Amino acid sequence: MVLIKEFRIVMPVSLEEYGIAQMYMVTKMQQKNTTSTEGIEVLESRPFEDKVYGTGQYASKVYRLQSKVPSWLTKVAPAHALVMREEAWNAYPRCKSVLKCPHFSKFQLTIETVHRADNGHSENVHGLTKEQLAARQVEYIDIAIPGKDCWSYLVGNCSIDFSKFKSKRTGHGPLTKGWQDRCDPVMTAYKLVTIDAPYWGFGRRLEQTLLAGERALFLESHRHCFGWIDEWYGMNLQQIDHLMEQNKSMSDERPLKPARVTSIVHLNGKTPGGEGIHGKKY
């Protein structure tokens, strides 16, 4: 059974501000979570053009996060084999990511994101069919409420109390009860997560585990986004690009030790590069 869940994360920033905040957050969290033995490795990054999404940036990444693998899953496969391969198309305000694991060839996790300048009450922003809408679950994530589960700890939880936090540079905050309805500016990230793990005996548990992990990642990354507002506010794309280049240089100086995976293939079984967001040639 394919699991479909839409997370709606309301943010107390404008669409334009969030575009910068997101890139800053991704770069900083990638740097914080990468060591010589595990972390995130960028295989490829280049512009792309698509009839539906328009123009944007394509990225191919490998996630080696062995220490974050649940103990029960290591009974099904060794931790070193649980490497995730991601292909991502960022055409902000629309984005799409597809993750696969070479060890579980039938598994696929897709995240489709639409960003809107609203407070989370737009319906069917992803254009789902009646059947998909019937299967879809919707959850609102409040960034003012800190995560307390193990996944938030593993992701890297943000310890800021947003009920008392106020940005020195923008005046945004604090976030008290009902802030989503009073906030100006405001925007929402609508994240549609689709997980398919058709494996007898543990597939359902794997889907629920990954969904919990994605929820924690969405919560903590967006808490960091707002918590770091005085760091990224006022930056432009050129400054973000420079920061990303610095991060890449640091990663090159401490290369990841390759996991014991014989091959990592493209999502359609071909080698990386050359396929578009819908499986068509660029």
Protein backbone atom coordinates (compact mmCIF):
# COMPACT_ATOMS: atom_id res chain seq x y z
CA MET A 1 0.00 0.00 0.00
CA VAL A 2 1.37 3.40 -1.01
CA LEU A 3 1.39 5.91 1.84
CA ILE A 4 0.45 9.53 0.98
CA LYS A 5 0.74 12.33 3.53
CA GLU A 6 0.82 16.10 3.13
CA PHE A 7 2.65 18.20 5.69
CA ARG A 8 1.86 21.91 5.87
CA ILE A 9 4.55 24.04 7.50
CA VAL A 10 3.56 27.66 8.04
CA MET A 11 6.48 30.12 8.27
CA PRO A 12 6.54 33.72 9.59
CA VAL A 13 8.48 35.00 6.57
CA SER A 14 7.69 36.04 3.01
CA LEU A 15 8.08 33.78 -0.03
CA GLU A 16 11.13 35.78 -1.10
CA GLU A 17 12.72 35.54 2.34
CA TYR A 18 12.06 31.82 2.55
CA GLY A 19 13.82 31.21 -0.77
CA ILE A 20 17.06 32.53 0.76
CA ALA A 21 16.40 30.98 4.18
CA GLN A 22 15.91 27.51 2.70
CA MET A 23 19.21 27.54 0.79
CA TYR A 24 21.07 28.89 3.81
CA MET A 25 19.54 26.26 6.09
CA VAL A 26 20.27 23.36 3.73
CA THR A 27 23.91 24.43 3.36
CA LYS A 28 24.44 24.91 7.10
CA MET A 29 22.71 21.67 8.14
CA GLN A 30 24.62 19.73 5.50
CA GLN A 31 27.87 21.12 6.89
CA LYS A 32 26.90 20.29 10.49
CA ASN A 33 25.90 16.71 9.64
CA THR A 34 28.86 15.72 7.48
CA THR A 35 31.96 14.02 8.91
CA SER A 36 34.74 11.91 7.43
CA THR A 37 32.66 8.74 7.81
CA GLU A 38 29.09 9.79 7.07
CA GLY A 39 26.95 12.63 5.87
CA ILE A 40 25.81 14.09 2.57
CA GLU A 41 27.82 13.91 -0.63
CA VAL A 42 26.81 15.99 -3.64
CA LEU A 43 27.50 14.02 -6.82
CA GLU A 44 26.16 16.53 -9.32
CA SER A 45 24.59 19.98 -9.39
CA ARG A 46 23.51 21.75 -12.56
CA PRO A 47 20.70 23.84 -14.06
CA PHE A 48 17.68 22.10 -15.58
CA GLU A 49 14.66 23.11 -17.61
CA ASP A 50 11.27 21.40 -17.56
CA LYS A 51 7.94 22.16 -19.26
CA VAL A 52 5.98 21.85 -16.00
CA TYR A 53 8.46 23.13 -13.41
CA GLY A 54 10.26 25.67 -15.58
CA THR A 55 13.94 26.34 -14.89
CA GLY A 56 15.79 25.44 -11.73
CA GLN A 57 18.68 23.53 -10.20
CA TYR A 58 19.09 19.76 -10.36
CA ALA A 59 21.14 17.96 -7.71
CA SER A 60 22.16 14.36 -7.19
CA LYS A 61 23.21 13.39 -3.67
CA VAL A 62 24.15 10.38 -1.59
CA TYR A 63 23.18 10.16 2.08
CA ARG A 64 25.37 7.98 4.29
CA LEU A 65 23.81 8.20 7.73
CA GLN A 66 24.57 4.80 9.21
CA SER A 67 24.50 5.99 12.84
CA LYS A 68 20.90 7.17 12.41
CA VAL A 69 19.55 3.83 11.16
CA PRO A 70 17.01 2.25 13.60
CA SER A 71 18.36 -0.90 15.23
CA TRP A 72 15.45 -3.04 14.00
CA LEU A 73 16.28 -2.16 10.39
CA THR A 74 19.86 -3.41 10.73
CA LYS A 75 18.37 -6.88 11.29
CA VAL A 76 16.96 -6.69 7.76
CA ALA A 77 20.04 -5.17 6.15
CA PRO A 78 23.49 -4.12 7.42
CA ALA A 79 23.77 -0.43 8.30
CA HIS A 80 26.45 0.21 5.68
CA ALA A 81 24.05 -0.94 2.95
CA LEU A 82 21.36 1.57 3.92
CA VAL A 83 22.68 4.36 1.74
CA MET A 84 20.10 6.71 0.25
CA ARG A 85 20.37 8.21 -3.20
CA GLU A 86 18.47 11.44 -3.87
CA GLU A 87 17.65 13.29 -7.05
CA ALA A 88 16.21 16.76 -6.49
CA TRP A 89 14.77 19.40 -8.77
CA ASN A 90 14.56 22.85 -7.19
CA ALA A 91 12.45 25.22 -9.27
CA TYR A 92 11.33 27.38 -6.36
CA PRO A 93 8.52 27.88 -5.46
CA ARG A 94 8.08 24.27 -6.67
CA CYS A 95 10.46 21.46 -5.79
CA LYS A 96 10.63 17.70 -6.08
CA SER A 97 12.89 15.06 -4.51
CA VAL A 98 13.03 11.32 -5.18
CA LEU A 99 14.94 9.03 -2.83
CA LYS A 100 15.88 5.41 -3.37
CA CYS A 101 18.03 2.84 -1.63
CA PRO A 102 20.07 0.49 -3.85
CA HIS A 103 19.72 -2.29 -1.26
CA PHE A 104 15.90 -2.12 -1.48
CA SER A 105 15.34 -1.71 -5.21
CA LYS A 106 11.52 -1.57 -4.97
CA PHE A 107 11.52 1.23 -2.39
CA GLN A 108 10.83 4.84 -3.36
CA LEU A 109 10.15 8.01 -1.39
CA THR A 110 8.98 11.13 -3.22
CA ILE A 111 8.60 14.62 -1.77
CA GLU A 112 6.79 17.24 -3.85
CA THR A 113 6.72 20.75 -2.42
CA VAL A 114 4.65 23.77 -3.34
CA HIS A 115 5.29 27.07 -1.54
CA ARG A 116 2.41 29.53 -1.23
CA ALA A 117 2.03 32.99 0.32
CA ASP A 118 -0.75 31.88 2.68
CA ASN A 119 -1.23 30.41 6.15
CA GLY A 120 -1.73 26.78 5.17
CA HIS A 121 -5.38 26.66 4.15
CA SER A 122 -5.07 26.14 0.39
CA GLU A 123 -6.54 22.82 -0.68
CA ASN A 124 -5.11 20.42 -3.25
CA VAL A 125 -2.16 22.59 -4.27
CA HIS A 126 -0.58 19.45 -5.77
CA GLY A 127 -3.50 18.76 -8.12
CA LEU A 128 -4.26 15.27 -6.77
CA THR A 129 -6.93 13.00 -8.20
CA LYS A 130 -10.05 12.03 -6.23
CA GLU A 131 -8.46 8.69 -5.41
CA GLN A 132 -5.26 10.33 -4.18
CA LEU A 133 -7.19 12.88 -2.13
CA ALA A 134 -9.13 10.07 -0.48
CA ALA A 135 -5.87 8.34 0.49
CA ARG A 136 -4.05 11.52 1.53
CA GLN A 137 -3.57 12.46 5.17
CA VAL A 138 -2.92 16.10 6.12
CA GLU A 139 -0.90 17.31 9.11
CA TYR A 140 -0.05 20.86 10.13
CA ILE A 141 3.41 21.28 11.64
CA ASP A 142 3.76 24.17 14.11
CA ILE A 143 7.40 25.31 14.22
CA ALA A 144 6.73 26.96 17.60
CA ILE A 145 6.35 23.51 19.20
CA PRO A 146 9.74 21.78 19.66
CA GLY A 147 10.20 18.17 18.65
CA LYS A 148 10.66 15.74 21.52
CA ASP A 149 11.06 12.40 19.77
CA CYS A 150 14.28 10.55 18.98
CA TRP A 151 14.12 11.58 15.33
CA SER A 152 14.29 15.28 16.20
CA TYR A 153 17.35 14.53 18.32
CA LEU A 154 19.00 12.60 15.49
CA VAL A 155 18.21 15.29 12.92
CA GLY A 156 19.62 18.00 15.20
CA ASN A 157 16.88 19.68 17.19
CA CYS A 158 16.59 23.43 17.51
CA SER A 159 16.51 24.48 21.18
CA ILE A 160 15.14 28.01 20.69
CA ASP A 161 11.95 28.92 22.57
CA PHE A 162 10.02 30.73 19.85
CA SER A 163 7.38 31.94 22.30
CA LYS A 164 10.09 34.33 23.55
CA PHE A 165 12.18 34.73 20.39
CA LYS A 166 12.21 37.96 18.38
CA SER A 167 14.47 38.66 15.42
CA LYS A 168 16.71 41.66 16.05
CA ARG A 169 17.01 42.44 12.35
CA THR A 170 13.40 41.96 11.19
CA GLY A 171 11.24 42.15 14.31
CA HIS A 172 9.61 38.80 13.38
CA GLY A 173 8.38 36.90 16.43
CA PRO A 174 7.63 35.87 19.07
CA LEU A 175 5.40 32.96 18.03
CA THR A 176 2.60 32.63 20.55
CA LYS A 177 -0.58 30.54 20.31
CA GLY A 178 -2.45 31.19 17.06
CA TRP A 179 0.48 33.05 15.48
CA GLN A 180 -0.28 31.54 12.05
CA ASP A 181 -3.52 33.56 11.78
CA ARG A 182 -1.95 36.85 12.90
CA CYS A 183 1.44 36.72 11.22
CA ASP A 184 2.44 39.09 8.42
CA PRO A 185 4.36 38.18 6.33
CA VAL A 186 3.44 34.51 6.17
CA MET A 187 3.93 31.59 3.79
CA THR A 188 3.46 27.82 3.77
CA ALA A 189 5.48 24.90 2.49
CA TYR A 190 3.05 22.19 1.32
CA LYS A 191 5.08 18.96 1.32
CA LEU A 192 3.46 15.90 -0.21
CA VAL A 193 5.25 12.73 0.85
CA THR A 194 4.60 9.50 -1.04
CA ILE A 195 6.27 6.32 0.23
CA ASP A 196 6.16 2.91 -1.37
CA ALA A 197 7.98 0.04 0.37
CA PRO A 198 6.35 -3.13 -1.01
CA TYR A 199 8.15 -5.61 1.24
CA TRP A 200 6.30 -8.33 3.10
CA GLY A 201 6.88 -8.40 6.84
CA PHE A 202 8.53 -5.01 7.32
CA GLY A 203 7.36 -2.73 4.49
CA ARG A 204 4.63 -1.03 6.53
CA ARG A 205 6.98 -0.48 9.46
CA LEU A 206 9.62 0.94 7.14
CA GLU A 207 7.10 3.38 5.66
CA GLN A 208 6.01 4.59 9.11
CA THR A 209 9.63 4.91 10.26
CA LEU A 210 10.61 6.98 7.25
CA LEU A 211 7.50 9.13 7.57
CA ALA A 212 8.39 9.89 11.20
CA GLY A 213 11.92 10.75 10.12
CA GLU A 214 10.70 13.08 7.38
CA ARG A 215 8.32 14.81 9.78
CA ALA A 216 11.15 15.45 12.23
CA LEU A 217 13.36 16.73 9.42
CA PHE A 218 10.64 19.12 8.23
CA LEU A 219 10.05 20.39 11.77
CA GLU A 220 13.67 20.87 12.79
CA SER A 221 14.87 22.28 9.47
CA HIS A 222 12.11 24.89 9.50
CA ARG A 223 12.74 25.71 13.15
CA HIS A 224 16.37 26.30 12.22
CA CYS A 225 15.26 28.36 9.22
CA PHE A 226 13.51 30.82 11.50
CA GLY A 227 16.01 30.53 14.34
CA TRP A 228 18.86 31.57 12.01
CA ILE A 229 16.92 34.50 10.52
CA ASP A 230 19.40 37.11 11.76
CA GLU A 231 22.18 35.20 9.99
CA TRP A 232 20.58 34.87 6.55
CA TYR A 233 18.36 37.96 6.43
CA GLY A 234 19.62 40.44 3.84
CA MET A 235 21.73 37.89 1.96
CA ASN A 236 21.41 37.66 -1.81
CA LEU A 237 21.78 34.72 -4.19
CA GLN A 238 25.42 35.54 -4.91
CA GLN A 239 26.26 35.38 -1.20
CA ILE A 240 24.38 32.09 -0.84
CA ASP A 241 26.28 30.68 -3.83
CA HIS A 242 29.55 31.74 -2.21
CA LEU A 243 28.53 30.03 1.02
CA MET A 244 27.69 26.85 -0.88
CA GLU A 245 31.07 26.94 -2.62
CA GLN A 246 32.79 27.30 0.75
CA ASN A 247 30.83 24.34 2.05
CA LYS A 248 31.81 22.29 -1.01
CA SER A 249 35.48 23.16 -0.48
CA MET A 250 35.27 22.03 3.14
CA SER A 251 33.60 18.79 2.05
CA ASP A 252 36.34 18.18 -0.52
CA GLU A 253 38.94 18.54 2.23
CA ARG A 254 37.25 15.85 4.33
CA PRO A 255 35.91 13.37 1.75
CA LEU A 256 33.47 10.74 2.90
CA LYS A 257 34.74 7.21 3.08
CA PRO A 258 32.65 5.34 0.50
CA ALA A 259 30.04 2.97 1.84
CA ARG A 260 30.25 -0.64 0.72
CA VAL A 261 27.76 -0.38 -2.12
CA THR A 262 28.68 -1.98 -5.42
CA SER A 263 26.81 0.57 -7.51
CA ILE A 264 24.43 3.46 -7.24
CA VAL A 265 22.22 3.72 -10.28
CA HIS A 266 20.00 6.43 -11.67
CA LEU A 267 16.35 6.30 -10.69
CA ASN A 268 15.41 4.68 -13.98
CA GLY A 269 18.30 2.25 -13.90
CA LYS A 270 20.70 4.39 -15.93
CA THR A 271 23.82 6.20 -14.86
CA PRO A 272 23.44 9.70 -13.34
CA GLY A 273 22.77 12.63 -15.61
CA GLY A 274 20.60 13.19 -18.63
CA GLU A 275 17.08 12.48 -17.36
CA GLY A 276 14.51 15.11 -16.49
CA ILE A 277 12.08 15.44 -13.62
CA HIS A 278 9.47 13.35 -15.46
CA GLY A 279 11.97 10.83 -16.81
CA LYS A 280 12.44 12.69 -20.10
CA LYS A 281 15.64 13.94 -21.66
CA TYR A 282 16.65 17.51 -20.92
